[in-house]
Amino acid sequence: MARQPAKTLWYDRPRYVYLEFCVEDSTDVKVVIEDDRLEFSCKNADGVEFYNEINFYARVNSKDSREKRSDRSITCFMRKWKEKVAWPRITKENIKPAWSFFTQCSWTSPCPLRVQSLLPQPKTCWLPACLPAGSSCHHSLLPPSPSQPSRKGPGSSSLALAVGRPEAAPW
């Protein structure tokens, strides 16, 4: 069976670069982090083999880097040699691989592109790479479910809330 690249999310922080390989129910996971490259391979539950090799934009400290496996993905945390220097891309080459997606989101900070507002929110996250169809957002930025009690007063409606009438304010 032929190998294919895993869909990969990456985001840049002042001290670390994060890579998330989106493979559900992974087995035989192998991650090799070197100062200038990363090699990733695994299989999913269906036996499909995934392989990614990334030559980094800049050096990382391989001794202070690690990976973490979950049911839905494998996340790699790579410490930058030069802290507080933004990476414009993940690869040394000035191309964007088709399997690579840049994101500003992380699990420790709210997504800057989807803040909670008075407008209706979608039911799934805007990041399609890791989410199977119909699953819930793993960034926990969804509004309360209909089963939770509403703080709206009597006579208010969702439409009034969406257009911003003062009597529909949730407080």
N, C-alpha and C. Protein backbone atom coordinates (compact mmCIF):
# COMPACT_ATOMS: atom_id res chain seq x y z
N MET A 1 0.84 -1.18 0.00
CA MET A 1 0.00 0.00 0.00
C MET A 1 0.89 1.25 0.00
N ALA A 2 0.54 2.23 -0.79
CA ALA A 2 1.33 3.45 -0.92
C ALA A 2 1.15 4.34 0.31
N ARG A 3 2.21 5.07 0.61
CA ARG A 3 2.14 6.02 1.72
C ARG A 3 1.60 7.34 1.21
N GLN A 4 0.96 8.07 2.11
CA GLN A 4 0.46 9.40 1.77
C GLN A 4 0.79 10.35 2.91
N PRO A 5 0.88 11.66 2.62
CA PRO A 5 1.16 12.61 3.70
C PRO A 5 -0.07 12.83 4.57
N ALA A 6 0.16 13.01 5.85
CA ALA A 6 -0.93 13.31 6.78
C ALA A 6 -1.25 14.80 6.71
N LYS A 7 -2.53 15.15 6.84
CA LYS A 7 -2.90 16.55 6.93
C LYS A 7 -2.24 17.13 8.18
N THR A 8 -1.63 18.29 8.03
CA THR A 8 -0.82 18.84 9.10
C THR A 8 -1.19 20.29 9.37
N LEU A 9 -1.53 20.57 10.62
CA LEU A 9 -1.73 21.94 11.07
C LEU A 9 -0.45 22.39 11.75
N TRP A 10 -0.07 23.64 11.56
CA TRP A 10 1.10 24.16 12.26
C TRP A 10 0.80 25.58 12.72
N TYR A 11 1.35 25.92 13.85
CA TYR A 11 1.25 27.29 14.33
C TYR A 11 2.52 27.69 15.03
N ASP A 12 2.78 28.99 14.98
CA ASP A 12 4.02 29.58 15.43
C ASP A 12 3.78 30.36 16.71
N ARG A 13 4.61 30.16 17.69
CA ARG A 13 4.57 30.92 18.94
C ARG A 13 5.96 31.48 19.19
N PRO A 14 6.11 32.43 20.11
CA PRO A 14 7.42 33.05 20.32
C PRO A 14 8.54 32.05 20.64
N ARG A 15 8.26 31.02 21.42
CA ARG A 15 9.31 30.07 21.81
C ARG A 15 9.23 28.73 21.10
N TYR A 16 8.05 28.36 20.61
CA TYR A 16 7.84 27.03 20.03
C TYR A 16 7.15 27.12 18.69
N VAL A 17 7.33 26.08 17.89
CA VAL A 17 6.55 25.83 16.69
C VAL A 17 5.82 24.52 16.96
N TYR A 18 4.53 24.51 16.66
CA TYR A 18 3.70 23.33 16.91
C TYR A 18 3.26 22.74 15.58
N LEU A 19 3.34 21.43 15.48
CA LEU A 19 2.84 20.69 14.32
C LEU A 19 1.83 19.67 14.83
N GLU A 20 0.69 19.60 14.18
CA GLU A 20 -0.32 18.60 14.54
C GLU A 20 -0.64 17.76 13.32
N PHE A 21 -0.29 16.49 13.38
CA PHE A 21 -0.58 15.55 12.31
C PHE A 21 -1.95 14.94 12.59
N CYS A 22 -2.89 15.19 11.70
CA CYS A 22 -4.28 14.79 11.92
C CYS A 22 -4.53 13.38 11.40
N VAL A 23 -4.30 12.40 12.28
CA VAL A 23 -4.53 11.00 11.96
C VAL A 23 -5.27 10.40 13.13
N GLU A 24 -6.50 9.96 12.89
CA GLU A 24 -7.30 9.36 13.97
C GLU A 24 -6.87 7.92 14.20
N ASP A 25 -6.94 7.50 15.45
CA ASP A 25 -6.64 6.12 15.85
C ASP A 25 -5.31 5.64 15.26
N SER A 26 -4.26 6.40 15.49
CA SER A 26 -2.96 6.08 14.91
C SER A 26 -2.27 4.94 15.66
N THR A 27 -1.50 4.17 14.91
CA THR A 27 -0.69 3.10 15.47
C THR A 27 0.70 3.18 14.84
N ASP A 28 1.66 2.49 15.41
CA ASP A 28 3.03 2.47 14.89
C ASP A 28 3.57 3.88 14.64
N VAL A 29 3.33 4.77 15.59
CA VAL A 29 3.75 6.17 15.44
C VAL A 29 5.26 6.28 15.63
N LYS A 30 5.89 6.95 14.67
CA LYS A 30 7.33 7.19 14.75
C LYS A 30 7.57 8.66 14.41
N VAL A 31 8.16 9.40 15.36
CA VAL A 31 8.48 10.81 15.17
C VAL A 31 9.96 10.98 15.47
N VAL A 32 10.70 11.50 14.50
CA VAL A 32 12.11 11.79 14.68
C VAL A 32 12.28 13.30 14.48
N ILE A 33 12.65 13.98 15.57
CA ILE A 33 12.86 15.43 15.51
C ILE A 33 14.36 15.70 15.56
N GLU A 34 14.87 16.31 14.50
CA GLU A 34 16.26 16.72 14.45
C GLU A 34 16.30 18.25 14.42
N ASP A 35 17.50 18.83 14.50
CA ASP A 35 17.61 20.29 14.55
C ASP A 35 17.08 20.99 13.31
N ASP A 36 17.14 20.34 12.16
CA ASP A 36 16.73 21.00 10.93
C ASP A 36 15.61 20.29 10.18
N ARG A 37 15.11 19.19 10.73
CA ARG A 37 14.05 18.45 10.03
C ARG A 37 13.25 17.58 10.99
N LEU A 38 12.11 17.12 10.50
CA LEU A 38 11.24 16.21 11.25
C LEU A 38 10.78 15.12 10.30
N GLU A 39 10.75 13.91 10.82
CA GLU A 39 10.25 12.77 10.05
C GLU A 39 9.13 12.13 10.86
N PHE A 40 7.97 11.96 10.23
CA PHE A 40 6.78 11.42 10.89
C PHE A 40 6.23 10.28 10.06
N SER A 41 5.86 9.20 10.75
CA SER A 41 5.17 8.10 10.07
C SER A 41 4.25 7.40 11.06
N CYS A 42 3.16 6.85 10.52
CA CYS A 42 2.21 6.07 11.33
C CYS A 42 1.22 5.38 10.40
N LYS A 43 0.34 4.61 11.01
CA LYS A 43 -0.78 3.97 10.31
C LYS A 43 -2.05 4.35 11.04
N ASN A 44 -3.17 4.39 10.29
CA ASN A 44 -4.45 4.61 10.96
C ASN A 44 -5.16 3.28 11.14
N ALA A 45 -6.38 3.32 11.66
CA ALA A 45 -7.12 2.09 11.95
C ALA A 45 -7.41 1.28 10.70
N ASP A 46 -7.49 1.94 9.54
CA ASP A 46 -7.77 1.23 8.28
C ASP A 46 -6.52 0.66 7.64
N GLY A 47 -5.36 0.87 8.27
CA GLY A 47 -4.11 0.35 7.73
C GLY A 47 -3.43 1.27 6.73
N VAL A 48 -3.96 2.47 6.53
CA VAL A 48 -3.35 3.43 5.61
C VAL A 48 -2.08 3.98 6.25
N GLU A 49 -0.98 3.99 5.49
CA GLU A 49 0.29 4.49 6.01
C GLU A 49 0.44 5.97 5.68
N PHE A 50 0.90 6.74 6.68
CA PHE A 50 1.14 8.16 6.51
C PHE A 50 2.62 8.44 6.73
N TYR A 51 3.15 9.37 5.93
CA TYR A 51 4.56 9.72 6.05
C TYR A 51 4.74 11.19 5.68
N ASN A 52 5.38 11.94 6.55
CA ASN A 52 5.72 13.34 6.28
C ASN A 52 7.18 13.55 6.64
N GLU A 53 7.88 14.27 5.77
CA GLU A 53 9.25 14.69 6.05
C GLU A 53 9.29 16.19 5.83
N ILE A 54 9.70 16.94 6.86
CA ILE A 54 9.69 18.40 6.80
C ILE A 54 11.09 18.92 7.10
N ASN A 55 11.64 19.69 6.16
CA ASN A 55 12.88 20.42 6.40
C ASN A 55 12.46 21.79 6.91
N PHE A 56 12.79 22.09 8.17
CA PHE A 56 12.29 23.29 8.84
C PHE A 56 12.82 24.57 8.22
N TYR A 57 12.02 25.63 8.36
CA TYR A 57 12.40 26.97 7.93
C TYR A 57 13.66 27.44 8.66
N ALA A 58 13.73 27.16 9.96
CA ALA A 58 14.89 27.53 10.77
C ALA A 58 15.18 26.37 11.73
N ARG A 59 16.26 26.49 12.48
CA ARG A 59 16.66 25.42 13.40
C ARG A 59 15.75 25.36 14.62
N VAL A 60 15.60 24.15 15.13
CA VAL A 60 14.90 23.93 16.40
C VAL A 60 15.85 23.20 17.34
N ASN A 61 15.52 23.23 18.61
CA ASN A 61 16.31 22.52 19.61
C ASN A 61 15.69 21.13 19.78
N SER A 62 16.26 20.15 19.14
CA SER A 62 15.68 18.81 19.17
C SER A 62 15.70 18.19 20.57
N LYS A 63 16.62 18.63 21.42
CA LYS A 63 16.70 18.09 22.78
C LYS A 63 15.57 18.61 23.67
N ASP A 64 15.00 19.75 23.32
CA ASP A 64 13.90 20.34 24.09
C ASP A 64 12.62 20.32 23.27
N SER A 65 12.42 19.29 22.48
CA SER A 65 11.23 19.12 21.66
C SER A 65 10.63 17.76 21.98
N ARG A 66 9.34 17.65 21.80
CA ARG A 66 8.67 16.37 22.11
C ARG A 66 7.40 16.24 21.31
N GLU A 67 6.77 15.08 21.42
CA GLU A 67 5.50 14.85 20.74
C GLU A 67 4.49 14.27 21.73
N LYS A 68 3.21 14.42 21.40
CA LYS A 68 2.14 13.91 22.25
C LYS A 68 1.07 13.31 21.35
N ARG A 69 0.70 12.08 21.63
CA ARG A 69 -0.30 11.38 20.84
C ARG A 69 -1.65 11.41 21.54
N SER A 70 -2.72 11.68 20.76
CA SER A 70 -4.09 11.58 21.27
C SER A 70 -4.87 10.69 20.30
N ASP A 71 -6.14 10.48 20.58
CA ASP A 71 -6.95 9.63 19.70
C ASP A 71 -7.12 10.23 18.30
N ARG A 72 -7.05 11.57 18.21
CA ARG A 72 -7.34 12.23 16.94
C ARG A 72 -6.12 12.77 16.21
N SER A 73 -4.99 12.92 16.90
CA SER A 73 -3.84 13.51 16.24
C SER A 73 -2.56 13.25 17.03
N ILE A 74 -1.43 13.61 16.42
CA ILE A 74 -0.12 13.59 17.06
C ILE A 74 0.42 15.01 16.98
N THR A 75 0.69 15.61 18.13
CA THR A 75 1.15 16.99 18.18
C THR A 75 2.63 17.02 18.56
N CYS A 76 3.42 17.78 17.81
CA CYS A 76 4.84 17.94 18.08
C CYS A 76 5.10 19.37 18.53
N PHE A 77 5.88 19.51 19.59
CA PHE A 77 6.26 20.81 20.15
C PHE A 77 7.76 20.96 19.93
N MET A 78 8.16 21.89 19.06
CA MET A 78 9.57 22.09 18.76
C MET A 78 10.03 23.44 19.27
N ARG A 79 11.03 23.44 20.12
CA ARG A 79 11.58 24.69 20.68
C ARG A 79 12.48 25.36 19.65
N LYS A 80 12.25 26.63 19.39
CA LYS A 80 13.06 27.38 18.42
C LYS A 80 14.44 27.69 19.00
N TRP A 81 15.44 27.69 18.15
CA TRP A 81 16.77 28.16 18.58
C TRP A 81 16.74 29.66 18.79
N LYS A 82 16.12 30.37 17.86
CA LYS A 82 16.00 31.83 17.97
C LYS A 82 14.57 32.16 18.40
N GLU A 83 14.42 32.46 19.69
CA GLU A 83 13.09 32.77 20.21
C GLU A 83 12.64 34.14 19.74
N LYS A 84 11.34 34.33 19.73
CA LYS A 84 10.69 35.59 19.35
C LYS A 84 11.00 36.00 17.91
N VAL A 85 11.32 35.03 17.07
CA VAL A 85 11.48 35.28 15.64
C VAL A 85 10.38 34.50 14.93
N ALA A 86 9.49 35.22 14.26
CA ALA A 86 8.35 34.58 13.61
C ALA A 86 8.80 33.79 12.38
N TRP A 87 8.15 32.66 12.18
CA TRP A 87 8.40 31.84 10.99
C TRP A 87 7.31 32.16 9.97
N PRO A 88 7.66 32.59 8.77
CA PRO A 88 6.65 32.86 7.76
C PRO A 88 6.08 31.59 7.14
N ARG A 89 6.79 30.50 7.29
CA ARG A 89 6.34 29.20 6.76
C ARG A 89 7.04 28.11 7.57
N ILE A 90 6.60 26.88 7.41
CA ILE A 90 7.17 25.77 8.18
C ILE A 90 8.35 25.14 7.45
N THR A 91 8.36 25.20 6.13
CA THR A 91 9.40 24.53 5.36
C THR A 91 10.50 25.49 4.92
N LYS A 92 11.66 24.92 4.68
CA LYS A 92 12.79 25.70 4.18
C LYS A 92 12.50 26.21 2.77
N GLU A 93 11.86 25.37 1.97
CA GLU A 93 11.51 25.75 0.61
C GLU A 93 10.40 26.80 0.64
N ASN A 94 10.41 27.69 -0.32
CA ASN A 94 9.42 28.76 -0.37
C ASN A 94 8.15 28.30 -1.10
N ILE A 95 7.63 27.15 -0.67
CA ILE A 95 6.38 26.61 -1.23
C ILE A 95 5.50 26.16 -0.08
N LYS A 96 4.20 26.08 -0.33
CA LYS A 96 3.27 25.57 0.68
C LYS A 96 2.84 24.17 0.25
N PRO A 97 3.22 23.15 1.01
CA PRO A 97 2.76 21.80 0.66
C PRO A 97 1.23 21.70 0.76
N ALA A 98 0.63 20.91 -0.10
CA ALA A 98 -0.83 20.77 -0.13
C ALA A 98 -1.39 20.21 1.18
N TRP A 99 -0.60 19.48 1.93
CA TRP A 99 -1.06 18.85 3.17
C TRP A 99 -0.85 19.73 4.39
N SER A 100 -0.27 20.92 4.22
CA SER A 100 0.08 21.79 5.34
C SER A 100 -0.91 22.94 5.46
N PHE A 101 -1.39 23.19 6.70
CA PHE A 101 -2.32 24.27 6.97
C PHE A 101 -1.81 25.09 8.14
N PHE A 102 -1.67 26.41 7.94
CA PHE A 102 -1.26 27.30 9.02
C PHE A 102 -2.48 27.74 9.79
N THR A 103 -2.38 27.81 11.11
CA THR A 103 -3.49 28.27 11.93
C THR A 103 -2.97 29.13 13.06
N GLN A 104 -3.78 30.07 13.49
CA GLN A 104 -3.44 30.90 14.64
C GLN A 104 -4.01 30.29 15.91
N CYS A 105 -4.79 29.22 15.79
CA CYS A 105 -5.47 28.63 16.94
C CYS A 105 -4.52 27.76 17.76
N SER A 106 -4.85 27.65 19.01
CA SER A 106 -4.21 26.66 19.86
C SER A 106 -5.23 26.27 20.91
N TRP A 107 -4.94 25.27 21.69
CA TRP A 107 -5.89 24.82 22.70
C TRP A 107 -5.77 25.63 23.98
N THR A 108 -4.71 26.41 24.11
CA THR A 108 -4.51 27.18 25.33
C THR A 108 -4.97 28.62 25.20
N SER A 109 -5.25 29.09 23.99
CA SER A 109 -5.74 30.45 23.82
C SER A 109 -6.92 30.44 22.86
N PRO A 110 -7.89 31.34 23.07
CA PRO A 110 -9.04 31.36 22.18
C PRO A 110 -8.64 31.71 20.76
N CYS A 111 -9.31 31.14 19.82
CA CYS A 111 -9.04 31.39 18.42
C CYS A 111 -9.36 32.85 18.10
N PRO A 112 -8.40 33.63 17.59
CA PRO A 112 -8.67 35.04 17.33
C PRO A 112 -9.65 35.27 16.20
N LEU A 113 -9.85 34.28 15.34
CA LEU A 113 -10.75 34.45 14.22
C LEU A 113 -12.19 34.09 14.55
N ARG A 114 -12.43 33.44 15.69
CA ARG A 114 -13.78 33.03 16.06
C ARG A 114 -14.02 33.37 17.52
N VAL A 115 -14.22 34.62 17.84
CA VAL A 115 -14.53 34.99 19.21
C VAL A 115 -16.02 34.89 19.42
N GLN A 116 -16.41 34.65 20.64
CA GLN A 116 -17.83 34.56 20.95
C GLN A 116 -18.47 35.92 20.72
N SER A 117 -19.55 35.96 20.01
CA SER A 117 -20.23 37.22 19.74
C SER A 117 -21.73 36.99 19.80
N LEU A 118 -22.49 38.02 19.49
CA LEU A 118 -23.94 37.92 19.49
C LEU A 118 -24.46 37.24 18.24
N LEU A 119 -23.60 37.07 17.24
CA LEU A 119 -24.03 36.42 16.00
C LEU A 119 -23.98 34.91 16.15
N PRO A 120 -24.85 34.19 15.43
CA PRO A 120 -24.84 32.73 15.51
C PRO A 120 -23.50 32.17 15.05
N GLN A 121 -23.05 31.11 15.70
CA GLN A 121 -21.79 30.46 15.40
C GLN A 121 -22.06 29.17 14.63
N PRO A 122 -21.12 28.72 13.78
CA PRO A 122 -21.31 27.43 13.12
C PRO A 122 -21.19 26.30 14.13
N LYS A 123 -21.69 25.13 13.75
CA LYS A 123 -21.69 23.99 14.66
C LYS A 123 -20.37 23.26 14.69
N THR A 124 -19.50 23.49 13.74
CA THR A 124 -18.19 22.87 13.77
C THR A 124 -17.13 23.93 13.58
N CYS A 125 -15.93 23.60 13.91
CA CYS A 125 -14.81 24.54 13.82
C CYS A 125 -14.51 24.86 12.37
N TRP A 126 -13.95 26.03 12.13
CA TRP A 126 -13.59 26.43 10.77
C TRP A 126 -12.36 25.69 10.26
N LEU A 127 -11.68 24.94 11.12
CA LEU A 127 -10.52 24.17 10.69
C LEU A 127 -10.99 22.79 10.23
N PRO A 128 -11.07 22.54 8.94
CA PRO A 128 -11.61 21.27 8.46
C PRO A 128 -10.64 20.11 8.55
N ALA A 129 -9.37 20.37 8.74
CA ALA A 129 -8.37 19.32 8.59
C ALA A 129 -8.51 18.20 9.59
N CYS A 130 -8.80 18.50 10.85
CA CYS A 130 -8.83 17.46 11.87
C CYS A 130 -10.22 16.96 12.18
N LEU A 131 -11.24 17.62 11.68
CA LEU A 131 -12.59 17.28 12.09
C LEU A 131 -13.30 16.43 11.06
N PRO A 132 -13.74 15.24 11.45
CA PRO A 132 -14.58 14.46 10.55
C PRO A 132 -15.93 15.15 10.43
N ALA A 133 -16.63 14.91 9.35
CA ALA A 133 -17.92 15.55 9.12
C ALA A 133 -18.88 15.29 10.28
N GLY A 134 -19.52 16.34 10.76
CA GLY A 134 -20.52 16.21 11.81
C GLY A 134 -19.98 16.17 13.22
N SER A 135 -18.67 16.25 13.42
CA SER A 135 -18.14 16.20 14.77
C SER A 135 -18.12 17.59 15.38
N SER A 136 -17.93 17.66 16.68
CA SER A 136 -17.95 18.95 17.35
C SER A 136 -16.58 19.60 17.32
N CYS A 137 -16.57 20.90 17.55
CA CYS A 137 -15.34 21.68 17.50
C CYS A 137 -14.44 21.32 18.67
N HIS A 138 -13.18 21.04 18.42
CA HIS A 138 -12.26 20.69 19.50
C HIS A 138 -11.61 21.93 20.12
N HIS A 139 -11.98 23.12 19.65
CA HIS A 139 -11.45 24.34 20.22
C HIS A 139 -12.37 24.90 21.31
N SER A 140 -13.49 24.27 21.57
CA SER A 140 -14.43 24.66 22.62
C SER A 140 -14.86 26.11 22.52
N LEU A 141 -15.15 26.55 21.30
CA LEU A 141 -15.58 27.92 21.10
C LEU A 141 -17.04 28.00 20.65
N LEU A 142 -17.78 26.96 20.88
CA LEU A 142 -19.17 26.95 20.46
C LEU A 142 -20.06 27.60 21.51
N PRO A 143 -21.18 28.18 21.09
CA PRO A 143 -22.11 28.74 22.07
C PRO A 143 -22.74 27.63 22.89
N PRO A 144 -23.38 27.95 24.02
CA PRO A 144 -24.01 26.92 24.84
C PRO A 144 -25.03 26.14 24.03
N SER A 145 -25.17 24.87 24.36
CA SER A 145 -26.13 24.03 23.65
C SER A 145 -27.55 24.42 24.05
N PRO A 146 -28.56 24.09 23.23
CA PRO A 146 -29.94 24.45 23.55
C PRO A 146 -30.43 23.85 24.86
N SER A 147 -29.80 22.77 25.34
CA SER A 147 -30.23 22.16 26.59
C SER A 147 -29.83 22.99 27.81
N GLN A 148 -28.87 23.92 27.64
CA GLN A 148 -28.46 24.75 28.76
C GLN A 148 -29.44 25.91 28.91
N PRO A 149 -29.72 26.34 30.14
CA PRO A 149 -30.68 27.42 30.33
C PRO A 149 -30.17 28.72 29.72
N SER A 150 -31.08 29.48 29.15
CA SER A 150 -30.75 30.75 28.54
C SER A 150 -30.85 31.87 29.55
N ARG A 151 -30.03 32.91 29.38
CA ARG A 151 -30.08 34.05 30.28
C ARG A 151 -30.92 35.18 29.68
N LYS A 152 -31.55 34.93 28.53
CA LYS A 152 -32.38 35.96 27.92
C LYS A 152 -33.66 36.13 28.72
N GLY A 153 -34.15 37.33 28.73
CA GLY A 153 -35.39 37.62 29.46
C GLY A 153 -36.60 37.16 28.70
N PRO A 154 -37.81 37.22 29.34
CA PRO A 154 -39.03 36.80 28.67
C PRO A 154 -39.33 37.71 27.48
N GLY A 155 -39.83 37.09 26.41
CA GLY A 155 -40.22 37.85 25.24
C GLY A 155 -39.08 38.11 24.27
N SER A 156 -37.89 37.72 24.60
CA SER A 156 -36.79 37.94 23.68
C SER A 156 -36.65 36.73 22.76
N SER A 157 -36.02 36.92 21.64
CA SER A 157 -35.86 35.82 20.69
C SER A 157 -34.45 35.83 20.15
N SER A 158 -34.09 34.75 19.47
CA SER A 158 -32.77 34.68 18.86
C SER A 158 -32.61 35.74 17.79
N LEU A 159 -33.68 36.04 17.05
CA LEU A 159 -33.60 37.06 16.02
C LEU A 159 -33.32 38.42 16.64
N ALA A 160 -33.98 38.71 17.75
CA ALA A 160 -33.74 39.99 18.43
C ALA A 160 -32.29 40.06 18.91
N LEU A 161 -31.77 38.94 19.37
CA LEU A 161 -30.39 38.90 19.83
C LEU A 161 -29.43 39.13 18.67
N ALA A 162 -29.74 38.54 17.50
CA ALA A 162 -28.87 38.67 16.35
C ALA A 162 -28.83 40.09 15.81
N VAL A 163 -29.95 40.80 15.85
CA VAL A 163 -29.95 42.17 15.33
C VAL A 163 -29.56 43.17 16.38
N GLY A 164 -29.42 42.74 17.63
CA GLY A 164 -28.85 43.59 18.67
C GLY A 164 -29.83 44.52 19.36
N ARG A 165 -31.11 44.16 19.45
CA ARG A 165 -32.05 45.00 20.19
C ARG A 165 -31.68 44.99 21.67
N PRO A 166 -31.69 46.15 22.33
CA PRO A 166 -31.27 46.21 23.73
C PRO A 166 -32.08 45.32 24.67
N GLU A 167 -33.38 45.15 24.38
CA GLU A 167 -34.20 44.34 25.29
C GLU A 167 -33.82 42.85 25.23
N ALA A 168 -33.06 42.46 24.22
CA ALA A 168 -32.68 41.06 24.08
C ALA A 168 -31.29 40.78 24.66
N ALA A 169 -30.68 41.76 25.28
CA ALA A 169 -29.35 41.55 25.84
C ALA A 169 -29.36 40.44 26.87
N PRO A 170 -28.36 39.57 26.87
CA PRO A 170 -28.36 38.43 27.78
C PRO A 170 -28.07 38.78 29.23
N TRP A 171 -27.75 40.00 29.55
CA TRP A 171 -27.44 40.35 30.92
C TRP A 171 -28.51 41.07 31.56
